């Protein structure tokens, strides 16, 4: 999911406002779950390939990275 959002933002094609809002809402939900340390709920949002690639048991390793990154400010449309 995170990778999809990142890759979608890197494309050179403009995205319509409806699509932007759809993904913005998901991105904000993902960030909220990460900030809360609610990895189990976030993991349930993953597709099967992502679930296999990043088991919920390993997601605790994200905590130091999240803490180091600081407070989430906002999601911008590019």
PDB file of N, CA and C in Angstrom:
ATOM      1  N   UNK A   1       0.830  -1.186   0.000  1.00  0.00           N
ATOM      2  CA  UNK A   1       0.000   0.000   0.000  1.00  0.00           C
ATOM      3  C   UNK A   1       0.869   1.242   0.000  1.00  0.00           C
ATOM      4  N   UNK A   2       1.814   1.293   0.923  1.00  0.00           N
ATOM      5  CA  UNK A   2       2.679   2.469   0.987  1.00  0.00           C
ATOM      6  C   UNK A   2       3.464   2.632  -0.298  1.00  0.00           C
ATOM      7  N   UNK A   3       3.934   1.511  -0.822  1.00  0.00           N
ATOM      8  CA  UNK A   3       4.699   1.567  -2.057  1.00  0.00           C
ATOM      9  C   UNK A   3       3.828   2.077  -3.198  1.00  0.00           C
ATOM     10  N   UNK A   4       2.575   1.632  -3.249  1.00  0.00           N
ATOM     11  CA  UNK A   4       1.676   2.059  -4.313  1.00  0.00           C
ATOM     12  C   UNK A   4       1.459   3.559  -4.239  1.00  0.00           C
ATOM     13  N   UNK A   5       1.233   4.076  -3.034  1.00  0.00           N
ATOM     14  CA  UNK A   5       1.029   5.505  -2.878  1.00  0.00           C
ATOM     15  C   UNK A   5       2.262   6.281  -3.293  1.00  0.00           C
ATOM     16  N   UNK A   6       3.426   5.783  -2.926  1.00  0.00           N
ATOM     17  CA  UNK A   6       4.669   6.456  -3.282  1.00  0.00           C
ATOM     18  C   UNK A   6       4.884   6.445  -4.790  1.00  0.00           C
ATOM     19  N   UNK A   7       4.654   5.291  -5.403  1.00  0.00           N
ATOM     20  CA  UNK A   7       4.870   5.187  -6.837  1.00  0.00           C
ATOM     21  C   UNK A   7       3.862   6.012  -7.614  1.00  0.00           C
ATOM     22  N   UNK A   8       2.629   6.052  -7.157  1.00  0.00           N
ATOM     23  CA  UNK A   8       1.606   6.837  -7.841  1.00  0.00           C
ATOM     24  C   UNK A   8       1.972   8.318  -7.818  1.00  0.00           C
ATOM     25  N   UNK A   9       2.568   8.756  -6.733  1.00  0.00           N
ATOM     26  CA  UNK A   9       2.945  10.162  -6.606  1.00  0.00           C
ATOM     27  C   UNK A   9       4.129  10.517  -7.495  1.00  0.00           C
ATOM     28  N   UNK A  10       4.903   9.523  -7.909  1.00  0.00           N
ATOM     29  CA  UNK A  10       6.104   9.790  -8.701  1.00  0.00           C
ATOM     30  C   UNK A  10       5.836   9.901 -10.190  1.00  0.00           C
ATOM     31  N   UNK A  11       4.672   9.469 -10.644  1.00  0.00           N
ATOM     32  CA  UNK A  11       4.373   9.500 -12.068  1.00  0.00           C
ATOM     33  C   UNK A  11       4.222  10.921 -12.567  1.00  0.00           C
ATOM     34  N   UNK A  12       4.429  11.124 -13.850  1.00  0.00           N
ATOM     35  CA  UNK A  12       4.335  12.443 -14.432  1.00  0.00           C
ATOM     36  C   UNK A  12       2.918  12.806 -14.847  1.00  0.00           C
ATOM     37  N   UNK A  13       1.992  11.874 -14.760  1.00  0.00           N
ATOM     38  CA  UNK A  13       0.625  12.092 -15.187  1.00  0.00           C
ATOM     39  C   UNK A  13      -0.169  12.796 -14.094  1.00  0.00           C
ATOM     40  N   UNK A  14      -0.963  13.779 -14.474  1.00  0.00           N
ATOM     41  CA  UNK A  14      -1.835  14.469 -13.526  1.00  0.00           C
ATOM     42  C   UNK A  14      -2.944  13.520 -13.090  1.00  0.00           C
ATOM     43  N   UNK A  15      -3.337  13.631 -11.836  1.00  0.00           N
ATOM     44  CA  UNK A  15      -4.389  12.799 -11.275  1.00  0.00           C
ATOM     45  C   UNK A  15      -5.587  13.698 -11.004  1.00  0.00           C
ATOM     46  N   UNK A  16      -6.774  13.195 -11.336  1.00  0.00           N
ATOM     47  CA  UNK A  16      -7.973  14.006 -11.114  1.00  0.00           C
ATOM     48  C   UNK A  16      -8.252  14.143  -9.619  1.00  0.00           C
ATOM     49  N   UNK A  17      -9.054  15.133  -9.274  1.00  0.00           N
ATOM     50  CA  UNK A  17      -9.317  15.443  -7.867  1.00  0.00           C
ATOM     51  C   UNK A  17      -9.987  14.303  -7.113  1.00  0.00           C
ATOM     52  N   UNK A  18     -10.899  13.578  -7.745  1.00  0.00           N
ATOM     53  CA  UNK A  18     -11.582  12.465  -7.071  1.00  0.00           C
ATOM     54  C   UNK A  18     -10.589  11.372  -6.690  1.00  0.00           C
ATOM     55  N   UNK A  19      -9.693  11.061  -7.599  1.00  0.00           N
ATOM     56  CA  UNK A  19      -8.675  10.046  -7.316  1.00  0.00           C
ATOM     57  C   UNK A  19      -7.727  10.537  -6.235  1.00  0.00           C
ATOM     58  N   UNK A  20      -7.375  11.812  -6.311  1.00  0.00           N
ATOM     59  CA  UNK A  20      -6.499  12.394  -5.292  1.00  0.00           C
ATOM     60  C   UNK A  20      -7.112  12.266  -3.916  1.00  0.00           C
ATOM     61  N   UNK A  21      -8.374  12.610  -3.792  1.00  0.00           N
ATOM     62  CA  UNK A  21      -9.038  12.546  -2.489  1.00  0.00           C
ATOM     63  C   UNK A  21      -9.156  11.120  -1.980  1.00  0.00           C
ATOM     64  N   UNK A  22      -9.413  10.185  -2.882  1.00  0.00           N
ATOM     65  CA  UNK A  22      -9.501   8.768  -2.499  1.00  0.00           C
ATOM     66  C   UNK A  22      -8.188   8.311  -1.875  1.00  0.00           C
ATOM     67  N   UNK A  23      -7.095   8.584  -2.548  1.00  0.00           N
ATOM     68  CA  UNK A  23      -5.797   8.133  -2.050  1.00  0.00           C
ATOM     69  C   UNK A  23      -5.286   8.972  -0.892  1.00  0.00           C
ATOM     70  N   UNK A  24      -5.674  10.232  -0.848  1.00  0.00           N
ATOM     71  CA  UNK A  24      -5.292  11.077   0.280  1.00  0.00           C
ATOM     72  C   UNK A  24      -5.907  10.519   1.565  1.00  0.00           C
ATOM     73  N   UNK A  25      -7.166  10.130   1.501  1.00  0.00           N
ATOM     74  CA  UNK A  25      -7.848   9.571   2.675  1.00  0.00           C
ATOM     75  C   UNK A  25      -7.160   8.297   3.147  1.00  0.00           C
ATOM     76  N   UNK A  26      -6.780   7.443   2.206  1.00  0.00           N
ATOM     77  CA  UNK A  26      -6.082   6.200   2.569  1.00  0.00           C
ATOM     78  C   UNK A  26      -4.715   6.527   3.153  1.00  0.00           C
ATOM     79  N   UNK A  27      -4.003   7.459   2.539  1.00  0.00           N
ATOM     80  CA  UNK A  27      -2.674   7.832   3.039  1.00  0.00           C
ATOM     81  C   UNK A  27      -2.758   8.381   4.456  1.00  0.00           C
ATOM     82  N   UNK A  28      -3.757   9.215   4.719  1.00  0.00           N
ATOM     83  CA  UNK A  28      -3.912   9.766   6.059  1.00  0.00           C
ATOM     84  C   UNK A  28      -4.270   8.681   7.066  1.00  0.00           C
ATOM     85  N   UNK A  29      -5.088   7.712   6.654  1.00  0.00           N
ATOM     86  CA  UNK A  29      -5.428   6.593   7.534  1.00  0.00           C
ATOM     87  C   UNK A  29      -4.178   5.761   7.840  1.00  0.00           C
ATOM     88  N   UNK A  30      -3.367   5.502   6.824  1.00  0.00           N
ATOM     89  CA  UNK A  30      -2.130   4.739   7.014  1.00  0.00           C
ATOM     90  C   UNK A  30      -1.209   5.460   7.993  1.00  0.00           C
ATOM     91  N   UNK A  31      -1.035   6.752   7.815  1.00  0.00           N
ATOM     92  CA  UNK A  31      -0.166   7.524   8.703  1.00  0.00           C
ATOM     93  C   UNK A  31      -0.708   7.497  10.128  1.00  0.00           C
ATOM     94  N   UNK A  32      -2.004   7.649  10.286  1.00  0.00           N
ATOM     95  CA  UNK A  32      -2.602   7.610  11.627  1.00  0.00           C
ATOM     96  C   UNK A  32      -2.361   6.270  12.304  1.00  0.00           C
ATOM     97  N   UNK A  33      -2.532   5.195  11.558  1.00  0.00           N
ATOM     98  CA  UNK A  33      -2.304   3.862  12.126  1.00  0.00           C
ATOM     99  C   UNK A  33      -0.831   3.654  12.480  1.00  0.00           C
ATOM    100  N   UNK A  34       0.064   4.121  11.621  1.00  0.00           N
ATOM    101  CA  UNK A  34       1.489   4.019  11.921  1.00  0.00           C
ATOM    102  C   UNK A  34       1.841   4.815  13.174  1.00  0.00           C
ATOM    103  N   UNK A  35       1.343   6.051  13.247  1.00  0.00           N
ATOM    104  CA  UNK A  35       1.628   6.884  14.410  1.00  0.00           C
ATOM    105  C   UNK A  35       1.086   6.280  15.699  1.00  0.00           C
ATOM    106  N   UNK A  36      -0.041   5.599  15.606  1.00  0.00           N
ATOM    107  CA  UNK A  36      -0.648   4.971  16.783  1.00  0.00           C
ATOM    108  C   UNK A  36      -0.007   3.633  17.113  1.00  0.00           C
ATOM    109  N   UNK A  37       0.847   3.143  16.226  1.00  0.00           N
ATOM    110  CA  UNK A  37       1.456   1.830  16.437  1.00  0.00           C
ATOM    111  C   UNK A  37       0.462   0.703  16.249  1.00  0.00           C
ATOM    112  N   UNK A  38      -0.618   0.962  15.524  1.00  0.00           N
ATOM    113  CA  UNK A  38      -1.664  -0.033  15.284  1.00  0.00           C
ATOM    114  C   UNK A  38      -1.316  -0.825  14.022  1.00  0.00           C
ATOM    115  N   UNK A  39      -0.267  -1.586  14.134  1.00  0.00           N
ATOM    116  CA  UNK A  39       0.243  -2.326  12.983  1.00  0.00           C
ATOM    117  C   UNK A  39      -0.689  -3.442  12.537  1.00  0.00           C
ATOM    118  N   UNK A  40      -1.430  -4.036  13.472  1.00  0.00           N
ATOM    119  CA  UNK A  40      -2.342  -5.125  13.116  1.00  0.00           C
ATOM    120  C   UNK A  40      -3.439  -4.627  12.179  1.00  0.00           C
ATOM    121  N   UNK A  41      -4.026  -3.467  12.489  1.00  0.00           N
ATOM    122  CA  UNK A  41      -5.077  -2.910  11.630  1.00  0.00           C
ATOM    123  C   UNK A  41      -4.504  -2.514  10.278  1.00  0.00           C
ATOM    124  N   UNK A  42      -3.337  -1.903  10.281  1.00  0.00           N
ATOM    125  CA  UNK A  42      -2.688  -1.524   9.032  1.00  0.00           C
ATOM    126  C   UNK A  42      -2.385  -2.762   8.199  1.00  0.00           C
ATOM    127  N   UNK A  43      -1.894  -3.801   8.833  1.00  0.00           N
ATOM    128  CA  UNK A  43      -1.557  -5.035   8.129  1.00  0.00           C
ATOM    129  C   UNK A  43      -2.775  -5.626   7.430  1.00  0.00           C
ATOM    130  N   UNK A  44      -3.944  -5.489   8.031  1.00  0.00           N
ATOM    131  CA  UNK A  44      -5.181  -5.997   7.427  1.00  0.00           C
ATOM    132  C   UNK A  44      -5.524  -5.258   6.137  1.00  0.00           C
ATOM    133  N   UNK A  45      -5.033  -4.056   5.972  1.00  0.00           N
ATOM    134  CA  UNK A  45      -5.286  -3.273   4.758  1.00  0.00           C
ATOM    135  C   UNK A  45      -4.419  -3.731   3.589  1.00  0.00           C
ATOM    136  N   UNK A  46      -3.351  -4.453   3.883  1.00  0.00           N
ATOM    137  CA  UNK A  46      -2.403  -4.886   2.858  1.00  0.00           C
ATOM    138  C   UNK A  46      -3.021  -5.943   1.947  1.00  0.00           C
ATOM    139  N   UNK A  47      -2.525  -5.979   0.716  1.00  0.00           N
ATOM    140  CA  UNK A  47      -2.826  -7.083  -0.189  1.00  0.00           C
ATOM    141  C   UNK A  47      -2.009  -8.298   0.241  1.00  0.00           C
ATOM    142  N   UNK A  48      -2.309  -9.444  -0.339  1.00  0.00           N
ATOM    143  CA  UNK A  48      -1.642 -10.689   0.059  1.00  0.00           C
ATOM    144  C   UNK A  48      -0.128 -10.624  -0.117  1.00  0.00           C
ATOM    145  N   UNK A  49       0.329 -10.070  -1.222  1.00  0.00           N
ATOM    146  CA  UNK A  49       1.769 -10.004  -1.477  1.00  0.00           C
ATOM    147  C   UNK A  49       2.467  -9.151  -0.422  1.00  0.00           C
ATOM    148  N   UNK A  50       1.867  -8.046  -0.059  1.00  0.00           N
ATOM    149  CA  UNK A  50       2.453  -7.170   0.962  1.00  0.00           C
ATOM    150  C   UNK A  50       2.431  -7.849   2.322  1.00  0.00           C
ATOM    151  N   UNK A  51       1.341  -8.546   2.635  1.00  0.00           N
ATOM    152  CA  UNK A  51       1.250  -9.271   3.912  1.00  0.00           C
ATOM    153  C   UNK A  51       2.365 -10.303   4.024  1.00  0.00           C
ATOM    154  N   UNK A  52       2.651 -10.992   2.923  1.00  0.00           N
ATOM    155  CA  UNK A  52       3.724 -11.988   2.930  1.00  0.00           C
ATOM    156  C   UNK A  52       5.092 -11.322   3.026  1.00  0.00           C
ATOM    157  N   UNK A  53       5.263 -10.198   2.355  1.00  0.00           N
ATOM    158  CA  UNK A  53       6.544  -9.502   2.334  1.00  0.00           C
ATOM    159  C   UNK A  53       6.871  -8.780   3.633  1.00  0.00           C
ATOM    160  N   UNK A  54       5.843  -8.374   4.364  1.00  0.00           N
ATOM    161  CA  UNK A  54       6.042  -7.651   5.617  1.00  0.00           C
ATOM    162  C   UNK A  54       5.080  -8.215   6.665  1.00  0.00           C
ATOM    163  N   UNK A  55       5.484  -9.305   7.309  1.00  0.00           N
ATOM    164  CA  UNK A  55       4.628  -9.899   8.345  1.00  0.00           C
ATOM    165  C   UNK A  55       4.388  -8.902   9.474  1.00  0.00           C
ATOM    166  N   UNK A  56       3.208  -8.975  10.065  1.00  0.00           N
ATOM    167  CA  UNK A  56       2.828  -8.052  11.134  1.00  0.00           C
ATOM    168  C   UNK A  56       3.839  -8.102  12.284  1.00  0.00           C
ATOM    169  N   UNK A  57       4.442  -9.249  12.506  1.00  0.00           N
ATOM    170  CA  UNK A  57       5.423  -9.396  13.589  1.00  0.00           C
ATOM    171  C   UNK A  57       6.657  -8.524  13.358  1.00  0.00           C
ATOM    172  N   UNK A  58       6.976  -8.232  12.117  1.00  0.00           N
ATOM    173  CA  UNK A  58       8.146  -7.414  11.802  1.00  0.00           C
ATOM    174  C   UNK A  58       7.839  -5.915  11.790  1.00  0.00           C
ATOM    175  N   UNK A  59       6.576  -5.571  11.838  1.00  0.00           N
ATOM    176  CA  UNK A  59       6.210  -4.161  11.719  1.00  0.00           C
ATOM    177  C   UNK A  59       6.627  -3.341  12.935  1.00  0.00           C
ATOM    178  N   UNK A  60       6.863  -3.983  14.074  1.00  0.00           N
ATOM    179  CA  UNK A  60       7.354  -3.260  15.247  1.00  0.00           C
ATOM    180  C   UNK A  60       8.694  -2.585  14.962  1.00  0.00           C
ATOM    181  N   UNK A  61       9.422  -3.094  13.983  1.00  0.00           N
ATOM    182  CA  UNK A  61      10.702  -2.507  13.613  1.00  0.00           C
ATOM    183  C   UNK A  61      10.531  -1.120  12.987  1.00  0.00           C
ATOM    184  N   UNK A  62       9.301  -0.781  12.619  1.00  0.00           N
ATOM    185  CA  UNK A  62       9.023   0.545  12.046  1.00  0.00           C
ATOM    186  C   UNK A  62       9.004   1.640  13.102  1.00  0.00           C
ATOM    187  N   UNK A  63       8.741   1.285  14.351  1.00  0.00           N
ATOM    188  CA  UNK A  63       8.566   2.278  15.414  1.00  0.00           C
ATOM    189  C   UNK A  63       9.734   3.251  15.514  1.00  0.00           C
ATOM    190  N   UNK A  64      10.983   2.789  15.573  1.00  0.00           N
ATOM    191  CA  UNK A  64      12.089   3.758  15.669  1.00  0.00           C
ATOM    192  C   UNK A  64      12.165   4.691  14.451  1.00  0.00           C
ATOM    193  N   UNK A  65      11.858   4.182  13.278  1.00  0.00           N
ATOM    194  CA  UNK A  65      11.882   5.008  12.068  1.00  0.00           C
ATOM    195  C   UNK A  65      10.805   6.084  12.128  1.00  0.00           C
ATOM    196  N   UNK A  66       9.638   5.705  12.597  1.00  0.00           N
ATOM    197  CA  UNK A  66       8.534   6.659  12.711  1.00  0.00           C
ATOM    198  C   UNK A  66       8.865   7.728  13.740  1.00  0.00           C
ATOM    199  N   UNK A  67       9.415   7.307  14.864  1.00  0.00           N
ATOM    200  CA  UNK A  67       9.786   8.268  15.906  1.00  0.00           C
ATOM    201  C   UNK A  67      10.857   9.227  15.418  1.00  0.00           C
ATOM    202  N   UNK A  68      11.812   8.721  14.653  1.00  0.00           N
ATOM    203  CA  UNK A  68      12.895   9.556  14.124  1.00  0.00           C
ATOM    204  C   UNK A  68      12.382  10.544  13.078  1.00  0.00           C
ATOM    205  N   UNK A  69      11.389  10.129  12.303  1.00  0.00           N
ATOM    206  CA  UNK A  69      10.861  10.977  11.232  1.00  0.00           C
ATOM    207  C   UNK A  69      10.119  12.193  11.767  1.00  0.00           C
ATOM    208  N   UNK A  70       9.587  12.094  12.966  1.00  0.00           N
ATOM    209  CA  UNK A  70       8.890  13.241  13.554  1.00  0.00           C
ATOM    210  C   UNK A  70       7.404  13.243  13.270  1.00  0.00           C
ATOM    211  N   UNK A  71       6.774  14.325  13.650  1.00  0.00           N
ATOM    212  CA  UNK A  71       5.332  14.455  13.558  1.00  0.00           C
ATOM    213  C   UNK A  71       4.878  14.634  12.119  1.00  0.00           C
ATOM    214  N   UNK A  72       3.855  13.895  11.766  1.00  0.00           N
ATOM    215  CA  UNK A  72       3.237  14.015  10.455  1.00  0.00           C
ATOM    216  C   UNK A  72       2.571  15.378  10.348  1.00  0.00           C
ATOM    217  N   UNK A  73       2.772  16.051   9.245  1.00  0.00           N
ATOM    218  CA  UNK A  73       2.198  17.376   9.072  1.00  0.00           C
ATOM    219  C   UNK A  73       0.980  17.373   8.152  1.00  0.00           C
ATOM    220  N   UNK A  74       1.148  16.897   6.920  1.00  0.00           N
ATOM    221  CA  UNK A  74       0.015  16.874   5.989  1.00  0.00           C
ATOM    222  C   UNK A  74       0.360  16.049   4.756  1.00  0.00           C
ATOM    223  N   UNK A  75      -0.670  15.712   4.010  1.00  0.00           N
ATOM    224  CA  UNK A  75      -0.512  15.043   2.726  1.00  0.00           C
ATOM    225  C   UNK A  75      -0.759  16.099   1.664  1.00  0.00           C
ATOM    226  N   UNK A  76       0.189  16.264   0.756  1.00  0.00           N
ATOM    227  CA  UNK A  76       0.069  17.253  -0.307  1.00  0.00           C
ATOM    228  C   UNK A  76      -0.244  16.575  -1.620  1.00  0.00           C
ATOM    229  N   UNK A  77      -0.982  17.263  -2.455  1.00  0.00           N
ATOM    230  CA  UNK A  77      -1.208  16.814  -3.822  1.00  0.00           C
ATOM    231  C   UNK A  77      -0.101  17.417  -4.680  1.00  0.00           C
ATOM    232  N   UNK A  78       0.518  16.587  -5.478  1.00  0.00           N
ATOM    233  CA  UNK A  78       1.596  17.065  -6.347  1.00  0.00           C
ATOM    234  C   UNK A  78       1.098  17.228  -7.748  1.00  0.00           C
TER     235      UNK A  78
END
